[in-house]
Amino acid sequence: MSNSNDRYLGFFFGLLLIFSQIDLQVGMLVFLGGIALITYDVKDINSDSMALIVIAFFQVSLMFLSTYINDGEMILLIKDIAPMILLLIIIRKNFSSQFVKGVAEVFLILVFVDMIFNIVALLFHIDILGRGVIKRPSDLLPRLGGVFHHPFSSINLMFSGVICGFILRSRWIILLSMFFLLITGSLRGPLLLCLIMSMIVAINFLKHKFFIVVVGASFIVFVILITYFFQGDSIYSANSLRVFSWNNALFNIINSPIIGQSFNNVELTAMSQDIIVENGISESSILKLGAQYGLVALFFHILFLYQLQKKSFSFADESSFLYLSVPLIVTVVIVDRFYGNLFNSSAIPVLIGLLISRTIRKDTIF
């Protein structure tokens, strides 16, 4: 890319990224096409990500084989492998800082629009489009769905805002996005905020990778134990279905541990035990991979996550805030894989890749 066009290409790429959030199926295909156009003449950084590519190849091959044997839906396979492929494409390329900043600046428009929707919904209990909010007995605040009218989508966008803040070296964007995680109404928002803060403390003060992994693993155990402990509580009634989903996923893994089994690709408007069983709902990205594609594919995915975190620490510079950004975001996403769905968003893997590209240049962060 020429320097004069980098910023404009970044703006275009950011618009494609926004479109991919509006329509995940069509948008993902358009987005992948955009990546091909933008990156065809961009040089690779080096071959240090070859291990990730090889591991991903085996994982995708096994997932494809499982889908073929089980006569599953290819659209589900594409949705499951797309985030990993997007990340691998991005981290292989040596994007300029102007391009990366252009993407983040444009995508922040969607993040800020989502914030405005949530502010209006919090104040008036309806959003700008007149859609009402939901408040469960366990919620301190109404569930704020943002522009897409779903709290999980809004949480993903706020976490994307945190990543954009790191890319642009902007404290106020990071803090503002973290604040909106706190007020989403869904417990997942504050839980994600606690995870981010835990990783900040671990990376800043413990520093050694082993202790950071221990903190992440402890957080996973904490979430699981708390969920099981409150599953019978009438206030936290959703926990009973979450535990049922985990147990059902484990049953499906035991029932077909090698090749997994196919499930329906449907939009769910309600949740019950029958719906969980029929559609293979797992409430955990890790369990979902094991149940749908088998334990061997799951093994390669866990190996992929391990290699990704190892790579994230290779960009660390203990003398500056660079030590924080990439390991922090990557570790948060890996921990979330065990009970959440951050990585399933098309935006987050792309922004992580761009953050790595920006960090490689060793720019001053703040």
Protein backbone atom coordinates (compact mmCIF):
# COMPACT_ATOMS: atom_id res chain seq x y z
CA MET A 1 0.00 0.00 0.00
CA SER A 2 1.18 3.57 -0.62
CA ASN A 3 1.28 5.84 2.40
CA SER A 4 -1.12 8.36 0.82
CA ASN A 5 -3.89 5.75 0.52
CA ASP A 6 -3.39 3.84 3.76
CA ARG A 7 -5.81 5.92 5.83
CA TYR A 8 -8.55 5.78 3.18
CA LEU A 9 -8.16 2.03 2.82
CA GLY A 10 -8.43 1.81 6.58
CA PHE A 11 -11.69 3.76 6.46
CA PHE A 12 -13.02 1.40 3.76
CA PHE A 13 -11.95 -1.65 5.73
CA GLY A 14 -13.65 -0.22 8.84
CA LEU A 15 -16.90 0.23 6.91
CA LEU A 16 -16.74 -3.40 5.77
CA LEU A 17 -16.19 -4.41 9.37
CA ILE A 18 -19.28 -2.47 10.43
CA PHE A 19 -21.32 -4.08 7.65
CA SER A 20 -20.21 -7.53 8.79
CA GLN A 21 -21.86 -6.79 12.15
CA ILE A 22 -25.16 -5.85 10.54
CA ASP A 23 -25.52 -9.07 8.56
CA LEU A 24 -23.17 -11.78 9.81
CA GLN A 25 -23.71 -14.22 6.93
CA VAL A 26 -23.67 -11.88 3.92
CA GLY A 27 -21.41 -9.38 5.66
CA MET A 28 -18.81 -12.03 6.42
CA LEU A 29 -18.50 -12.99 2.75
CA VAL A 30 -18.23 -9.34 1.67
CA PHE A 31 -15.71 -8.75 4.44
CA LEU A 32 -13.53 -11.69 3.37
CA GLY A 33 -13.65 -10.34 -0.19
CA GLY A 34 -12.55 -6.96 1.10
CA ILE A 35 -9.64 -8.53 2.95
CA ALA A 36 -8.55 -10.26 -0.26
CA LEU A 37 -8.59 -6.96 -2.17
CA ILE A 38 -6.78 -5.02 0.52
CA THR A 39 -4.12 -7.54 1.46
CA TYR A 40 -3.13 -9.03 -1.89
CA ASP A 41 -0.12 -6.73 -2.20
CA VAL A 42 0.71 -6.45 1.50
CA LYS A 43 3.89 -8.25 2.52
CA ASP A 44 3.83 -10.91 5.19
CA ILE A 45 5.45 -9.98 8.49
CA ASN A 46 7.46 -13.19 8.75
CA SER A 47 6.92 -16.91 9.20
CA ASP A 48 6.63 -16.90 13.00
CA SER A 49 2.89 -17.54 12.80
CA MET A 50 3.35 -20.71 10.73
CA ALA A 51 2.62 -22.90 13.79
CA LEU A 52 -0.76 -21.19 14.18
CA ILE A 53 -1.54 -21.77 10.52
CA VAL A 54 -0.62 -25.46 10.64
CA ILE A 55 -2.68 -26.04 13.78
CA ALA A 56 -5.63 -24.16 12.28
CA PHE A 57 -5.37 -26.24 9.10
CA PHE A 58 -5.73 -29.49 11.03
CA GLN A 59 -8.59 -28.08 13.12
CA VAL A 60 -10.53 -26.80 10.09
CA SER A 61 -9.94 -30.08 8.22
CA LEU A 62 -11.36 -32.08 11.11
CA MET A 63 -14.32 -29.72 11.45
CA PHE A 64 -15.05 -30.04 7.73
CA LEU A 65 -14.80 -33.84 7.95
CA SER A 66 -17.18 -33.92 10.91
CA THR A 67 -19.67 -31.67 9.11
CA TYR A 68 -19.52 -33.85 5.99
CA ILE A 69 -19.94 -37.15 7.88
CA ASN A 70 -22.78 -35.81 10.02
CA ASP A 71 -24.48 -34.16 7.04
CA GLY A 72 -24.30 -30.87 8.89
CA GLU A 73 -24.92 -27.35 7.62
CA MET A 74 -21.92 -25.71 5.96
CA ILE A 75 -23.10 -22.27 7.03
CA LEU A 76 -22.52 -23.30 10.65
CA LEU A 77 -19.02 -24.49 9.79
CA ILE A 78 -18.22 -21.21 8.02
CA LYS A 79 -19.45 -19.20 11.00
CA ASP A 80 -17.35 -21.29 13.36
CA ILE A 81 -14.09 -21.12 11.40
CA ALA A 82 -14.39 -17.55 10.05
CA PRO A 83 -13.10 -15.76 13.21
CA MET A 84 -9.97 -17.92 13.31
CA ILE A 85 -9.31 -17.44 9.58
CA LEU A 86 -9.82 -13.68 9.88
CA LEU A 87 -7.32 -13.49 12.72
CA LEU A 88 -4.72 -15.54 10.83
CA ILE A 89 -5.06 -13.39 7.70
CA ILE A 90 -4.62 -10.17 9.64
CA ILE A 91 -1.69 -11.16 11.87
CA ARG A 92 0.29 -12.35 8.85
CA LYS A 93 0.26 -8.91 7.25
CA ASN A 94 2.40 -5.86 7.91
CA PHE A 95 -0.21 -3.10 7.88
CA SER A 96 0.85 0.50 8.29
CA SER A 97 -0.10 2.40 11.43
CA GLN A 98 -2.26 4.78 9.37
CA PHE A 99 -4.29 1.90 7.95
CA VAL A 100 -4.81 0.30 11.36
CA LYS A 101 -5.82 3.61 12.93
CA GLY A 102 -8.25 4.27 10.06
CA VAL A 103 -10.03 0.96 10.70
CA ALA A 104 -10.30 1.62 14.43
CA GLU A 105 -11.55 5.20 13.99
CA VAL A 106 -14.35 4.18 11.62
CA PHE A 107 -15.41 1.15 13.66
CA LEU A 108 -15.63 3.35 16.75
CA ILE A 109 -18.54 5.12 15.05
CA LEU A 110 -20.60 1.93 15.54
CA VAL A 111 -19.36 1.62 19.13
CA PHE A 112 -20.39 5.20 19.93
CA VAL A 113 -23.78 4.76 18.25
CA ASP A 114 -24.30 1.68 20.41
CA MET A 115 -23.44 3.74 23.50
CA ILE A 116 -26.01 6.38 22.52
CA PHE A 117 -28.70 3.72 22.07
CA ASN A 118 -27.90 2.38 25.54
CA ILE A 119 -27.98 5.80 27.19
CA VAL A 120 -31.42 6.52 25.71
CA ALA A 121 -32.69 3.06 26.71
CA LEU A 122 -31.36 3.48 30.25
CA LEU A 123 -33.01 6.88 30.69
CA PHE A 124 -36.35 6.24 28.97
CA HIS A 125 -36.65 2.41 28.99
CA ILE A 126 -37.04 2.46 25.21
CA ASP A 127 -34.26 2.97 22.68
CA ILE A 128 -34.11 5.41 19.76
CA LEU A 129 -36.08 3.00 17.55
CA GLY A 130 -38.81 2.61 20.18
CA ARG A 131 -37.77 -0.89 21.26
CA GLY A 132 -38.34 -1.73 24.92
CA VAL A 133 -35.79 -3.06 27.39
CA ILE A 134 -35.87 -6.25 29.46
CA LYS A 135 -35.14 -6.42 33.17
CA ARG A 136 -34.85 -9.82 34.85
CA PRO A 137 -35.17 -10.27 38.63
CA SER A 138 -31.39 -10.70 38.94
CA ASP A 139 -30.61 -7.55 36.95
CA LEU A 140 -29.71 -4.36 38.78
CA LEU A 141 -30.23 -2.38 35.57
CA PRO A 142 -32.33 -2.98 32.45
CA ARG A 143 -30.65 -5.13 29.81
CA LEU A 144 -29.29 -2.66 27.28
CA GLY A 145 -29.16 -4.13 23.79
CA GLY A 146 -27.62 -1.21 21.94
CA VAL A 147 -28.15 -0.72 18.22
CA PHE A 148 -28.70 -4.48 17.57
CA HIS A 149 -31.10 -4.82 20.52
CA HIS A 150 -29.20 -7.65 22.19
CA PRO A 151 -27.04 -7.25 25.32
CA PHE A 152 -24.46 -9.78 24.11
CA SER A 153 -23.97 -7.82 20.88
CA SER A 154 -23.60 -4.63 22.87
CA ILE A 155 -21.05 -6.26 25.20
CA ASN A 156 -19.05 -7.45 22.18
CA LEU A 157 -19.08 -3.92 20.76
CA MET A 158 -17.92 -2.43 24.05
CA PHE A 159 -15.05 -4.90 24.19
CA SER A 160 -14.27 -3.95 20.59
CA GLY A 161 -14.17 -0.37 21.85
CA VAL A 162 -11.56 -1.37 24.43
CA ILE A 163 -9.41 -2.91 21.68
CA CYS A 164 -9.83 0.19 19.49
CA GLY A 165 -8.75 2.28 22.48
CA PHE A 166 -5.53 0.27 22.71
CA ILE A 167 -4.97 0.57 18.95
CA LEU A 168 -5.41 4.35 19.07
CA ARG A 169 -3.53 4.66 22.39
CA SER A 170 -6.51 6.43 23.93
CA ARG A 171 -7.18 6.04 27.65
CA TRP A 172 -10.55 7.76 27.51
CA ILE A 173 -11.89 5.36 24.86
CA ILE A 174 -10.73 2.37 26.92
CA LEU A 175 -12.26 3.71 30.13
CA LEU A 176 -15.51 4.76 28.43
CA SER A 177 -15.96 1.33 26.85
CA MET A 178 -15.22 -0.35 30.18
CA PHE A 179 -17.80 1.87 31.88
CA PHE A 180 -20.49 0.80 29.41
CA LEU A 181 -19.60 -2.83 30.12
CA LEU A 182 -20.54 -2.10 33.71
CA ILE A 183 -24.02 -0.72 32.92
CA THR A 184 -25.23 -3.18 30.26
CA GLY A 185 -27.61 -4.79 32.77
CA SER A 186 -26.54 -8.30 31.81
CA LEU A 187 -24.17 -9.89 34.34
CA ARG A 188 -21.83 -10.80 31.47
CA GLY A 189 -20.80 -7.15 31.14
CA PRO A 190 -19.53 -6.67 34.71
CA LEU A 191 -18.07 -10.19 34.58
CA LEU A 192 -16.05 -9.25 31.50
CA LEU A 193 -14.99 -6.02 33.18
CA CYS A 194 -13.78 -7.99 36.23
CA LEU A 195 -11.83 -10.28 33.92
CA ILE A 196 -10.18 -7.32 32.17
CA MET A 197 -9.25 -5.73 35.50
CA SER A 198 -7.90 -9.05 36.80
CA MET A 199 -5.70 -9.40 33.72
CA ILE A 200 -4.47 -5.80 34.04
CA VAL A 201 -3.38 -6.50 37.62
CA ALA A 202 -1.85 -9.88 36.69
CA ILE A 203 0.10 -8.55 33.70
CA ASN A 204 1.27 -5.39 35.42
CA PHE A 205 2.34 -6.92 38.72
CA LEU A 206 2.83 -10.68 38.24
CA LYS A 207 4.28 -10.36 34.73
CA HIS A 208 5.43 -13.96 34.41
CA LYS A 209 3.32 -15.87 31.91
CA PHE A 210 2.77 -18.79 34.28
CA PHE A 211 1.09 -16.62 36.93
CA ILE A 212 -1.04 -14.88 34.31
CA VAL A 213 -2.26 -18.27 33.05
CA VAL A 214 -3.01 -19.27 36.65
CA VAL A 215 -5.09 -16.12 37.13
CA GLY A 216 -6.99 -16.83 33.90
CA ALA A 217 -7.61 -20.46 34.84
CA SER A 218 -8.74 -19.41 38.32
CA PHE A 219 -11.24 -17.01 36.78
CA ILE A 220 -12.70 -19.82 34.66
CA VAL A 221 -13.04 -22.06 37.73
CA PHE A 222 -14.61 -19.18 39.67
CA VAL A 223 -17.25 -18.57 36.98
CA ILE A 224 -18.11 -22.29 36.77
CA LEU A 225 -18.36 -22.74 40.54
CA ILE A 226 -20.48 -19.60 41.01
CA THR A 227 -22.80 -20.67 38.20
CA TYR A 228 -23.28 -24.14 39.68
CA PHE A 229 -23.69 -22.71 43.19
CA PHE A 230 -26.50 -20.34 42.15
CA GLN A 231 -28.23 -22.65 39.66
CA GLY A 232 -31.12 -23.32 42.04
CA ASP A 233 -31.57 -19.68 43.03
CA SER A 234 -34.87 -18.22 41.85
CA ILE A 235 -33.22 -14.81 41.39
CA TYR A 236 -30.50 -16.17 39.12
CA SER A 237 -32.85 -18.49 37.25
CA ALA A 238 -30.83 -18.32 34.01
CA ASN A 239 -28.01 -20.19 35.74
CA SER A 240 -30.07 -23.39 35.88
CA LEU A 241 -30.43 -23.37 32.08
CA ARG A 242 -26.74 -22.52 31.71
CA VAL A 243 -25.73 -25.48 33.85
CA PHE A 244 -28.18 -27.67 31.94
CA SER A 245 -26.54 -26.50 28.68
CA TRP A 246 -23.07 -27.38 29.96
CA ASN A 247 -24.21 -30.81 31.13
CA ASN A 248 -26.01 -31.43 27.83
CA ALA A 249 -22.88 -30.49 25.87
CA LEU A 250 -20.79 -32.86 27.97
CA PHE A 251 -23.36 -35.61 27.33
CA ASN A 252 -23.16 -34.93 23.57
CA ILE A 253 -19.35 -35.11 23.69
CA ILE A 254 -19.47 -38.44 25.53
CA ASN A 255 -22.09 -39.72 23.10
CA SER A 256 -19.96 -38.92 20.02
CA PRO A 257 -16.41 -38.03 21.11
CA ILE A 258 -14.59 -38.47 17.79
CA ILE A 259 -16.66 -36.78 15.07
CA GLY A 260 -19.26 -34.91 17.11
CA GLN A 261 -22.79 -34.41 15.83
CA SER A 262 -24.65 -31.82 13.77
CA PHE A 263 -27.22 -29.38 15.13
CA ASN A 264 -29.77 -27.01 13.62
CA ASN A 265 -28.92 -23.49 12.48
CA VAL A 266 -31.89 -21.52 13.79
CA GLU A 267 -32.49 -18.13 15.38
CA LEU A 268 -33.66 -18.66 18.95
CA THR A 269 -36.24 -16.35 20.50
CA ALA A 270 -36.65 -18.31 23.74
CA MET A 271 -34.77 -20.81 25.86
CA SER A 272 -35.87 -24.02 27.52
CA GLN A 273 -34.41 -27.45 28.22
CA ASP A 274 -36.11 -28.91 25.13
CA ILE A 275 -34.68 -26.15 22.91
CA ILE A 276 -31.22 -26.68 24.42
CA VAL A 277 -31.31 -30.41 23.67
CA GLU A 278 -32.76 -30.01 20.18
CA ASN A 279 -30.31 -27.31 19.06
CA GLY A 280 -27.21 -28.39 20.97
CA ILE A 281 -26.96 -25.15 22.93
CA SER A 282 -23.82 -25.27 25.08
CA GLU A 283 -23.34 -21.76 26.56
CA SER A 284 -19.61 -22.36 26.06
CA SER A 285 -17.62 -22.01 22.84
CA ILE A 286 -15.19 -24.71 23.98
CA LEU A 287 -17.93 -27.22 24.77
CA LYS A 288 -19.71 -26.35 21.53
CA LEU A 289 -16.64 -27.25 19.48
CA GLY A 290 -16.26 -30.55 21.32
CA ALA A 291 -19.93 -31.48 20.97
CA GLN A 292 -20.29 -30.46 17.33
CA TYR A 293 -16.92 -31.45 15.87
CA GLY A 294 -15.40 -33.96 18.32
CA LEU A 295 -12.60 -33.98 20.85
CA VAL A 296 -9.77 -34.17 18.30
CA ALA A 297 -10.87 -30.90 16.67
CA LEU A 298 -11.29 -29.43 20.15
CA PHE A 299 -7.75 -30.50 21.03
CA PHE A 300 -6.35 -28.63 18.03
CA HIS A 301 -8.41 -25.56 18.94
CA ILE A 302 -7.02 -25.53 22.49
CA LEU A 303 -3.55 -25.96 20.98
CA PHE A 304 -4.33 -23.00 18.70
CA LEU A 305 -5.33 -20.87 21.70
CA TYR A 306 -2.16 -21.87 23.56
CA GLN A 307 0.02 -20.94 20.58
CA LEU A 308 -1.87 -17.65 20.17
CA GLN A 309 -1.26 -16.67 23.77
CA LYS A 310 2.39 -17.69 23.48
CA LYS A 311 2.67 -15.49 20.40
CA SER A 312 0.97 -12.60 22.19
CA PHE A 313 3.68 -12.56 24.85
CA SER A 314 6.39 -12.41 22.18
CA PHE A 315 5.30 -8.81 21.51
CA ALA A 316 5.64 -7.82 25.15
CA ASP A 317 8.02 -5.08 26.21
CA GLU A 318 8.22 -5.04 29.99
CA SER A 319 9.52 -1.46 30.02
CA SER A 320 6.35 0.02 28.55
CA PHE A 321 2.60 -0.36 28.31
CA LEU A 322 3.17 -2.50 25.22
CA TYR A 323 3.52 -5.34 27.71
CA LEU A 324 -0.14 -4.91 28.53
CA SER A 325 -2.15 -4.48 25.33
CA VAL A 326 -1.72 -7.66 23.27
CA PRO A 327 -1.33 -10.23 26.10
CA LEU A 328 -4.21 -8.60 27.96
CA ILE A 329 -6.71 -8.75 25.10
CA VAL A 330 -5.67 -12.21 23.90
CA THR A 331 -5.81 -13.73 27.41
CA VAL A 332 -9.24 -12.19 28.07
CA VAL A 333 -10.61 -13.67 24.84
CA ILE A 334 -9.12 -17.11 25.58
CA VAL A 335 -10.60 -17.19 29.09
CA ASP A 336 -13.97 -16.05 27.72
CA ARG A 337 -13.99 -18.99 25.26
CA PHE A 338 -14.83 -21.31 28.18
CA TYR A 339 -18.13 -19.59 29.04
CA GLY A 340 -18.70 -16.74 26.54
CA ASN A 341 -18.68 -15.88 22.84
CA LEU A 342 -16.41 -12.85 22.34
CA PHE A 343 -14.28 -14.56 19.71
CA ASN A 344 -17.36 -15.48 17.65
CA SER A 345 -17.77 -11.85 16.65
CA SER A 346 -16.15 -11.06 13.29
CA ALA A 347 -14.89 -7.72 14.60
CA ILE A 348 -12.93 -8.90 17.63
CA PRO A 349 -10.52 -11.30 15.85
CA VAL A 350 -9.84 -8.64 13.20
CA LEU A 351 -9.20 -5.93 15.78
CA ILE A 352 -6.90 -8.27 17.74
CA GLY A 353 -4.92 -8.89 14.57
CA LEU A 354 -4.69 -5.17 13.88
CA LEU A 355 -3.65 -4.51 17.48
CA ILE A 356 -0.81 -7.00 17.02
CA SER A 357 0.15 -5.29 13.76
CA ARG A 358 0.17 -1.89 15.49
CA THR A 359 2.14 -3.20 18.46
CA ILE A 360 4.82 -4.81 16.29
CA ARG A 361 5.86 -1.32 15.28
CA LYS A 362 6.71 -0.50 18.89
CA ASP A 363 4.89 2.84 18.72
CA THR A 364 4.63 4.87 21.90
CA ILE A 365 1.26 3.96 23.35
CA PHE A 366 0.29 6.75 25.71
